[in-house]
Amino acid sequence: MSNTPDLVGTALVWIKSTYSGPEGGNCVEWAPSYATAHDVVPVRDSKDPQGPALAFSRDAWSSFLTAVREAEFPSA
C-alpha cells in the first residue's frame, strides 16, 4: 500500500500562495480542501498545473510555512 495520495482525476481547488510574485514567477499552489479531508497537503508549481504535485504531511507543511513567515530562507 502506498502512502502517496492519488491526486490524478481528483477535482482539487488549488490556491496560489500569497508569497507568489505578481509577475507570475515563483508560483506555488496548494489544495486546502484536500488537506482538510486528508493528512497530506498537496503542493504544485502553478506554471505547470499538469505536472507533478508534492504531498507533505500537515506537520511538515506547517513547519515550512513558519519558516517562510520568519524569513528563515535566504532570498535569491
PDB file of N, CA and C in Angstrom:
ATOM      1  N   MET A   1       0.835  -1.172   0.000  1.00  0.00           N
ATOM      2  CA  MET A   1       0.000   0.000   0.000  1.00  0.00           C
ATOM      3  C   MET A   1       0.886   1.243   0.000  1.00  0.00           C
ATOM      4  N   SER A   2       0.509   2.216  -0.814  1.00  0.00           N
ATOM      5  CA  SER A   2       1.297   3.435  -0.956  1.00  0.00           C
ATOM      6  C   SER A   2       0.802   4.520  -0.012  1.00  0.00           C
ATOM      7  N   ASN A   3       1.734   5.291   0.533  1.00  0.00           N
ATOM      8  CA  ASN A   3       1.372   6.450   1.349  1.00  0.00           C
ATOM      9  C   ASN A   3       1.197   7.698   0.502  1.00  0.00           C
ATOM     10  N   THR A   4       1.485   7.597  -0.790  1.00  0.00           N
ATOM     11  CA  THR A   4       1.362   8.730  -1.688  1.00  0.00           C
ATOM     12  C   THR A   4      -0.090   8.876  -2.116  1.00  0.00           C
ATOM     13  N   PRO A   5      -0.686  10.049  -1.926  1.00  0.00           N
ATOM     14  CA  PRO A   5      -2.086  10.225  -2.315  1.00  0.00           C
ATOM     15  C   PRO A   5      -2.250  10.197  -3.827  1.00  0.00           C
ATOM     16  N   ASP A   6      -3.363   9.650  -4.290  1.00  0.00           N
ATOM     17  CA  ASP A   6      -3.672   9.628  -5.707  1.00  0.00           C
ATOM     18  C   ASP A   6      -4.419  10.910  -6.046  1.00  0.00           C
ATOM     19  N   LEU A   7      -3.717  11.877  -6.608  1.00  0.00           N
ATOM     20  CA  LEU A   7      -4.314  13.166  -6.936  1.00  0.00           C
ATOM     21  C   LEU A   7      -4.807  13.220  -8.377  1.00  0.00           C
ATOM     22  N   VAL A   8      -4.502  12.192  -9.158  1.00  0.00           N
ATOM     23  CA  VAL A   8      -4.917  12.152 -10.554  1.00  0.00           C
ATOM     24  C   VAL A   8      -6.425  11.947 -10.608  1.00  0.00           C
ATOM     25  N   GLY A   9      -7.091  12.783 -11.357  1.00  0.00           N
ATOM     26  CA  GLY A   9      -8.532  12.663 -11.505  1.00  0.00           C
ATOM     27  C   GLY A   9      -9.312  13.224 -10.327  1.00  0.00           C
ATOM     28  N   THR A  10      -8.593  13.734  -9.339  1.00  0.00           N
ATOM     29  CA  THR A  10      -9.244  14.320  -8.181  1.00  0.00           C
ATOM     30  C   THR A  10      -9.513  15.788  -8.479  1.00  0.00           C
ATOM     31  N   ALA A  11     -10.750  16.212  -8.287  1.00  0.00           N
ATOM     32  CA  ALA A  11     -11.104  17.613  -8.541  1.00  0.00           C
ATOM     33  C   ALA A  11     -10.657  18.455  -7.350  1.00  0.00           C
ATOM     34  N   LEU A  12      -9.467  19.006  -7.449  1.00  0.00           N
ATOM     35  CA  LEU A  12      -8.926  19.818  -6.368  1.00  0.00           C
ATOM     36  C   LEU A  12      -9.079  21.297  -6.690  1.00  0.00           C
ATOM     37  N   VAL A  13      -9.303  22.077  -5.677  1.00  0.00           N
ATOM     38  CA  VAL A  13      -9.312  23.527  -5.819  1.00  0.00           C
ATOM     39  C   VAL A  13      -7.947  24.005  -5.341  1.00  0.00           C
ATOM     40  N   TRP A  14      -7.173  24.551  -6.274  1.00  0.00           N
ATOM     41  CA  TRP A  14      -5.821  24.993  -5.975  1.00  0.00           C
ATOM     42  C   TRP A  14      -5.836  26.474  -5.648  1.00  0.00           C
ATOM     43  N   ILE A  15      -5.100  26.865  -4.622  1.00  0.00           N
ATOM     44  CA  ILE A  15      -4.984  28.244  -4.179  1.00  0.00           C
ATOM     45  C   ILE A  15      -3.531  28.678  -4.347  1.00  0.00           C
ATOM     46  N   LYS A  16      -3.330  29.810  -5.023  1.00  0.00           N
ATOM     47  CA  LYS A  16      -1.968  30.308  -5.235  1.00  0.00           C
ATOM     48  C   LYS A  16      -1.470  30.979  -3.954  1.00  0.00           C
ATOM     49  N   SER A  17      -0.245  30.738  -3.612  1.00  0.00           N
ATOM     50  CA  SER A  17       0.372  31.329  -2.430  1.00  0.00           C
ATOM     51  C   SER A  17       0.395  32.845  -2.534  1.00  0.00           C
ATOM     52  N   THR A  18       0.139  33.505  -1.421  1.00  0.00           N
ATOM     53  CA  THR A  18       0.227  34.962  -1.380  1.00  0.00           C
ATOM     54  C   THR A  18       1.677  35.421  -1.501  1.00  0.00           C
ATOM     55  N   TYR A  19       2.627  34.515  -1.331  1.00  0.00           N
ATOM     56  CA  TYR A  19       4.047  34.849  -1.483  1.00  0.00           C
ATOM     57  C   TYR A  19       4.500  34.748  -2.936  1.00  0.00           C
ATOM     58  N   SER A  20       3.638  34.274  -3.827  1.00  0.00           N
ATOM     59  CA  SER A  20       3.999  34.180  -5.236  1.00  0.00           C
ATOM     60  C   SER A  20       4.093  35.577  -5.830  1.00  0.00           C
ATOM     61  N   GLY A  21       5.024  35.757  -6.710  1.00  0.00           N
ATOM     62  CA  GLY A  21       5.242  37.068  -7.308  1.00  0.00           C
ATOM     63  C   GLY A  21       4.126  37.484  -8.244  1.00  0.00           C
ATOM     64  N   PRO A  22       3.820  38.790  -8.315  1.00  0.00           N
ATOM     65  CA  PRO A  22       2.748  39.286  -9.191  1.00  0.00           C
ATOM     66  C   PRO A  22       3.061  39.137 -10.676  1.00  0.00           C
ATOM     67  N   GLU A  23       4.311  38.989 -11.040  1.00  0.00           N
ATOM     68  CA  GLU A  23       4.693  38.828 -12.443  1.00  0.00           C
ATOM     69  C   GLU A  23       4.572  37.391 -12.916  1.00  0.00           C
ATOM     70  N   GLY A  24       4.098  36.505 -12.079  1.00  0.00           N
ATOM     71  CA  GLY A  24       3.906  35.114 -12.474  1.00  0.00           C
ATOM     72  C   GLY A  24       5.058  34.194 -12.116  1.00  0.00           C
ATOM     73  N   GLY A  25       6.110  34.712 -11.521  1.00  0.00           N
ATOM     74  CA  GLY A  25       7.230  33.863 -11.129  1.00  0.00           C
ATOM     75  C   GLY A  25       7.053  33.309  -9.735  1.00  0.00           C
ATOM     76  N   ASN A  26       7.778  32.273  -9.411  1.00  0.00           N
ATOM     77  CA  ASN A  26       7.771  31.672  -8.077  1.00  0.00           C
ATOM     78  C   ASN A  26       6.368  31.317  -7.596  1.00  0.00           C
ATOM     79  N   CYS A  27       5.565  30.736  -8.474  1.00  0.00           N
ATOM     80  CA  CYS A  27       4.173  30.452  -8.126  1.00  0.00           C
ATOM     81  C   CYS A  27       4.007  29.053  -7.547  1.00  0.00           C
ATOM     82  N   VAL A  28       3.559  29.023  -6.324  1.00  0.00           N
ATOM     83  CA  VAL A  28       3.278  27.772  -5.634  1.00  0.00           C
ATOM     84  C   VAL A  28       1.796  27.748  -5.320  1.00  0.00           C
ATOM     85  N   GLU A  29       1.159  26.604  -5.549  1.00  0.00           N
ATOM     86  CA  GLU A  29      -0.249  26.432  -5.216  1.00  0.00           C
ATOM     87  C   GLU A  29      -0.407  25.250  -4.269  1.00  0.00           C
ATOM     88  N   TRP A  30      -1.447  25.297  -3.464  1.00  0.00           N
ATOM     89  CA  TRP A  30      -1.751  24.182  -2.579  1.00  0.00           C
ATOM     90  C   TRP A  30      -3.250  23.953  -2.608  1.00  0.00           C
ATOM     91  N   ALA A  31      -3.680  22.785  -2.145  1.00  0.00           N
ATOM     92  CA  ALA A  31      -5.094  22.412  -2.177  1.00  0.00           C
ATOM     93  C   ALA A  31      -5.619  22.271  -0.750  1.00  0.00           C
ATOM     94  N   PRO A  32      -6.102  23.368  -0.155  1.00  0.00           N
ATOM     95  CA  PRO A  32      -6.525  23.326   1.243  1.00  0.00           C
ATOM     96  C   PRO A  32      -7.705  22.398   1.525  1.00  0.00           C
ATOM     97  N   SER A  33      -8.634  22.258   0.582  1.00  0.00           N
ATOM     98  CA  SER A  33      -9.780  21.380   0.844  1.00  0.00           C
ATOM     99  C   SER A  33      -9.341  19.923   0.937  1.00  0.00           C
ATOM    100  N   TYR A  34      -8.367  19.523   0.117  1.00  0.00           N
ATOM    101  CA  TYR A  34      -7.836  18.163   0.192  1.00  0.00           C
ATOM    102  C   TYR A  34      -7.088  17.973   1.505  1.00  0.00           C
ATOM    103  N   ALA A  35      -6.334  18.994   1.901  1.00  0.00           N
ATOM    104  CA  ALA A  35      -5.566  18.920   3.146  1.00  0.00           C
ATOM    105  C   ALA A  35      -6.486  18.787   4.346  1.00  0.00           C
ATOM    106  N   THR A  36      -7.654  19.428   4.290  1.00  0.00           N
ATOM    107  CA  THR A  36      -8.605  19.353   5.394  1.00  0.00           C
ATOM    108  C   THR A  36      -9.170  17.939   5.526  1.00  0.00           C
ATOM    109  N   ALA A  37      -9.415  17.290   4.391  1.00  0.00           N
ATOM    110  CA  ALA A  37     -10.030  15.966   4.396  1.00  0.00           C
ATOM    111  C   ALA A  37      -9.025  14.824   4.572  1.00  0.00           C
ATOM    112  N   HIS A  38      -7.750  15.111   4.390  1.00  0.00           N
ATOM    113  CA  HIS A  38      -6.716  14.058   4.450  1.00  0.00           C
ATOM    114  C   HIS A  38      -5.574  14.535   5.337  1.00  0.00           C
ATOM    115  N   ASP A  39      -4.614  13.674   5.545  1.00  0.00           N
ATOM    116  CA  ASP A  39      -3.462  14.035   6.365  1.00  0.00           C
ATOM    117  C   ASP A  39      -2.281  14.534   5.550  1.00  0.00           C
ATOM    118  N   VAL A  40      -2.529  14.927   4.325  1.00  0.00           N
ATOM    119  CA  VAL A  40      -1.454  15.444   3.478  1.00  0.00           C
ATOM    120  C   VAL A  40      -1.877  16.760   2.834  1.00  0.00           C
ATOM    121  N   VAL A  41      -0.878  17.571   2.494  1.00  0.00           N
ATOM    122  CA  VAL A  41      -1.105  18.859   1.837  1.00  0.00           C
ATOM    123  C   VAL A  41      -0.487  18.774   0.444  1.00  0.00           C
ATOM    124  N   PRO A  42      -1.307  18.752  -0.619  1.00  0.00           N
ATOM    125  CA  PRO A  42      -0.765  18.741  -1.975  1.00  0.00           C
ATOM    126  C   PRO A  42      -0.252  20.131  -2.360  1.00  0.00           C
ATOM    127  N   VAL A  43       0.906  20.160  -3.006  1.00  0.00           N
ATOM    128  CA  VAL A  43       1.540  21.411  -3.430  1.00  0.00           C
ATOM    129  C   VAL A  43       2.053  21.204  -4.853  1.00  0.00           C
ATOM    130  N   ARG A  44       1.881  22.240  -5.700  1.00  0.00           N
ATOM    131  CA  ARG A  44       2.369  22.135  -7.081  1.00  0.00           C
ATOM    132  C   ARG A  44       2.873  23.486  -7.576  1.00  0.00           C
ATOM    133  N   ASP A  45       3.552  23.451  -8.704  1.00  0.00           N
ATOM    134  CA  ASP A  45       4.023  24.645  -9.398  1.00  0.00           C
ATOM    135  C   ASP A  45       2.885  25.112 -10.299  1.00  0.00           C
ATOM    136  N   SER A  46       2.374  26.319 -10.070  1.00  0.00           N
ATOM    137  CA  SER A  46       1.231  26.793 -10.849  1.00  0.00           C
ATOM    138  C   SER A  46       1.562  27.004 -12.324  1.00  0.00           C
ATOM    139  N   LYS A  47       2.841  27.145 -12.645  1.00  0.00           N
ATOM    140  CA  LYS A  47       3.239  27.305 -14.039  1.00  0.00           C
ATOM    141  C   LYS A  47       3.184  25.973 -14.786  1.00  0.00           C
ATOM    142  N   ASP A  48       3.040  24.866 -14.060  1.00  0.00           N
ATOM    143  CA  ASP A  48       2.967  23.530 -14.661  1.00  0.00           C
ATOM    144  C   ASP A  48       1.851  22.742 -13.973  1.00  0.00           C
ATOM    145  N   PRO A  49       0.581  23.156 -14.145  1.00  0.00           N
ATOM    146  CA  PRO A  49      -0.517  22.522 -13.421  1.00  0.00           C
ATOM    147  C   PRO A  49      -0.737  21.052 -13.766  1.00  0.00           C
ATOM    148  N   GLN A  50      -0.278  20.616 -14.918  1.00  0.00           N
ATOM    149  CA  GLN A  50      -0.412  19.202 -15.283  1.00  0.00           C
ATOM    150  C   GLN A  50       0.801  18.387 -14.821  1.00  0.00           C
ATOM    151  N   GLY A  51       1.768  19.076 -14.255  1.00  0.00           N
ATOM    152  CA  GLY A  51       2.980  18.403 -13.789  1.00  0.00           C
ATOM    153  C   GLY A  51       2.753  17.737 -12.442  1.00  0.00           C
ATOM    154  N   PRO A  52       3.813  17.290 -11.833  1.00  0.00           N
ATOM    155  CA  PRO A  52       3.690  16.565 -10.561  1.00  0.00           C
ATOM    156  C   PRO A  52       3.297  17.485  -9.410  1.00  0.00           C
ATOM    157  N   ALA A  53       2.660  16.891  -8.441  1.00  0.00           N
ATOM    158  CA  ALA A  53       2.342  17.583  -7.188  1.00  0.00           C
ATOM    159  C   ALA A  53       3.096  16.870  -6.076  1.00  0.00           C
ATOM    160  N   LEU A  54       3.572  17.626  -5.136  1.00  0.00           N
ATOM    161  CA  LEU A  54       4.226  17.063  -3.970  1.00  0.00           C
ATOM    162  C   LEU A  54       3.196  16.946  -2.856  1.00  0.00           C
ATOM    163  N   ALA A  55       3.370  15.981  -1.979  1.00  0.00           N
ATOM    164  CA  ALA A  55       2.450  15.806  -0.866  1.00  0.00           C
ATOM    165  C   ALA A  55       3.247  15.844   0.436  1.00  0.00           C
ATOM    166  N   PHE A  56       2.902  16.791   1.293  1.00  0.00           N
ATOM    167  CA  PHE A  56       3.583  16.971   2.568  1.00  0.00           C
ATOM    168  C   PHE A  56       2.646  16.608   3.709  1.00  0.00           C
ATOM    169  N   SER A  57       3.201  16.100   4.788  1.00  0.00           N
ATOM    170  CA  SER A  57       2.385  15.890   5.981  1.00  0.00           C
ATOM    171  C   SER A  57       1.958  17.258   6.500  1.00  0.00           C
ATOM    172  N   ARG A  58       0.902  17.288   7.269  1.00  0.00           N
ATOM    173  CA  ARG A  58       0.449  18.570   7.833  1.00  0.00           C
ATOM    174  C   ARG A  58       1.535  19.208   8.693  1.00  0.00           C
ATOM    175  N   ASP A  59       2.226  18.397   9.470  1.00  0.00           N
ATOM    176  CA  ASP A  59       3.295  18.929  10.332  1.00  0.00           C
ATOM    177  C   ASP A  59       4.431  19.528   9.512  1.00  0.00           C
ATOM    178  N   ALA A  60       4.824  18.840   8.453  1.00  0.00           N
ATOM    179  CA  ALA A  60       5.907  19.344   7.606  1.00  0.00           C
ATOM    180  C   ALA A  60       5.488  20.645   6.921  1.00  0.00           C
ATOM    181  N   TRP A  61       4.256  20.707   6.438  1.00  0.00           N
ATOM    182  CA  TRP A  61       3.774  21.915   5.774  1.00  0.00           C
ATOM    183  C   TRP A  61       3.709  23.083   6.756  1.00  0.00           C
ATOM    184  N   SER A  62       3.237  22.818   7.952  1.00  0.00           N
ATOM    185  CA  SER A  62       3.159  23.851   8.985  1.00  0.00           C
ATOM    186  C   SER A  62       4.552  24.380   9.333  1.00  0.00           C
ATOM    187  N   SER A  63       5.508  23.486   9.450  1.00  0.00           N
ATOM    188  CA  SER A  63       6.891  23.889   9.740  1.00  0.00           C
ATOM    189  C   SER A  63       7.460  24.740   8.611  1.00  0.00           C
ATOM    190  N   PHE A  64       7.168  24.347   7.373  1.00  0.00           N
ATOM    191  CA  PHE A  64       7.628  25.120   6.219  1.00  0.00           C
ATOM    192  C   PHE A  64       7.033  26.530   6.230  1.00  0.00           C
ATOM    193  N   LEU A  65       5.722  26.640   6.457  1.00  0.00           N
ATOM    194  CA  LEU A  65       5.076  27.953   6.485  1.00  0.00           C
ATOM    195  C   LEU A  65       5.637  28.839   7.590  1.00  0.00           C
ATOM    196  N   THR A  66       5.910  28.246   8.734  1.00  0.00           N
ATOM    197  CA  THR A  66       6.503  29.007   9.830  1.00  0.00           C
ATOM    198  C   THR A  66       7.871  29.539   9.426  1.00  0.00           C
ATOM    199  N   ALA A  67       8.667  28.708   8.785  1.00  0.00           N
ATOM    200  CA  ALA A  67       9.998  29.133   8.342  1.00  0.00           C
ATOM    201  C   ALA A  67       9.912  30.252   7.302  1.00  0.00           C
ATOM    202  N   VAL A  68       8.930  30.186   6.406  1.00  0.00           N
ATOM    203  CA  VAL A  68       8.751  31.248   5.410  1.00  0.00           C
ATOM    204  C   VAL A  68       8.367  32.548   6.105  1.00  0.00           C
ATOM    205  N   ARG A  69       7.400  32.483   7.006  1.00  0.00           N
ATOM    206  CA  ARG A  69       6.940  33.685   7.714  1.00  0.00           C
ATOM    207  C   ARG A  69       8.061  34.337   8.519  1.00  0.00           C
ATOM    208  N   GLU A  70       8.953  33.519   9.047  1.00  0.00           N
ATOM    209  CA  GLU A  70      10.042  34.040   9.875  1.00  0.00           C
ATOM    210  C   GLU A  70      11.302  34.323   9.055  1.00  0.00           C
ATOM    211  N   ALA A  71      11.168  34.302   7.738  1.00  0.00           N
ATOM    212  CA  ALA A  71      12.268  34.620   6.810  1.00  0.00           C
ATOM    213  C   ALA A  71      13.523  33.797   7.091  1.00  0.00           C
ATOM    214  N   GLU A  72      13.347  32.502   7.304  1.00  0.00           N
ATOM    215  CA  GLU A  72      14.485  31.635   7.580  1.00  0.00           C
ATOM    216  C   GLU A  72      15.226  31.196   6.312  1.00  0.00           C
ATOM    217  N   PHE A  73      14.656  31.504   5.148  1.00  0.00           N
ATOM    218  CA  PHE A  73      15.284  31.121   3.883  1.00  0.00           C
ATOM    219  C   PHE A  73      15.966  32.343   3.277  1.00  0.00           C
ATOM    220  N   PRO A  74      17.163  32.168   2.737  1.00  0.00           N
ATOM    221  CA  PRO A  74      17.827  33.311   2.101  1.00  0.00           C
ATOM    222  C   PRO A  74      17.087  33.694   0.819  1.00  0.00           C
ATOM    223  N   SER A  75      17.093  34.980   0.512  1.00  0.00           N
ATOM    224  CA  SER A  75      16.462  35.418  -0.736  1.00  0.00           C
ATOM    225  C   SER A  75      17.408  35.152  -1.897  1.00  0.00           C
ATOM    226  N   ALA A  76      16.811  35.006  -3.054  1.00  0.00           N
ATOM    227  CA  ALA A  76      17.605  34.669  -4.252  1.00  0.00           C
ATOM    228  C   ALA A  76      18.385  35.855  -4.751  1.00  0.00           C
TER     229      ALA A  76
END
